[in-house]
Amino acid sequence: QVQLVESGGGLVQAGGSLRLSCAASGGTFSRYSMGWFRQALGKEREFVASISWTASGNTYYADSVKGRFTISRENAKNTVYLQMDSLKTEDTALYFCAADSALRVGVQSEIVYDYWGQGTQVTVSS
């Protein structure tokens, strides 16, 4: 069973930066495409970014974060990161990482992800 644990959330002022981490255990991390999702209070969970399991590590972003957020992975540490720069108040949400074990690429739909973390809260103040 794969376990995912997020960390790095917190309170930051608008315009600031945070780096989220997601540590995986119990599976073959290098063969998972990894994604970040977020859920703001009263809203549905939405796709933020994903990175493929392939050697090229193709990345995909929601339009709302493109140019501000960067997803990366370090297979030797079984960890995926989300660097968040130029944060806005509308980025406030609970951020989740997720793993897709089916060797897919470019997955943005949450329904295909097999494993989920518990989430880490990001709050951006004005």
Foldseek 3Di string as FASTA:
>chain_A
DKAKAKDWADEEAAQAKIKMKIAIDDDQLLQWKKFKWWDAPPGDIFGAKIFASDPVRDMDGDPVQPPFWDWDDDNVRRMIMIIGGNHDQVVWTWMKMFIANPRDPPDGDPVRTDDIYPTDTHGYHD
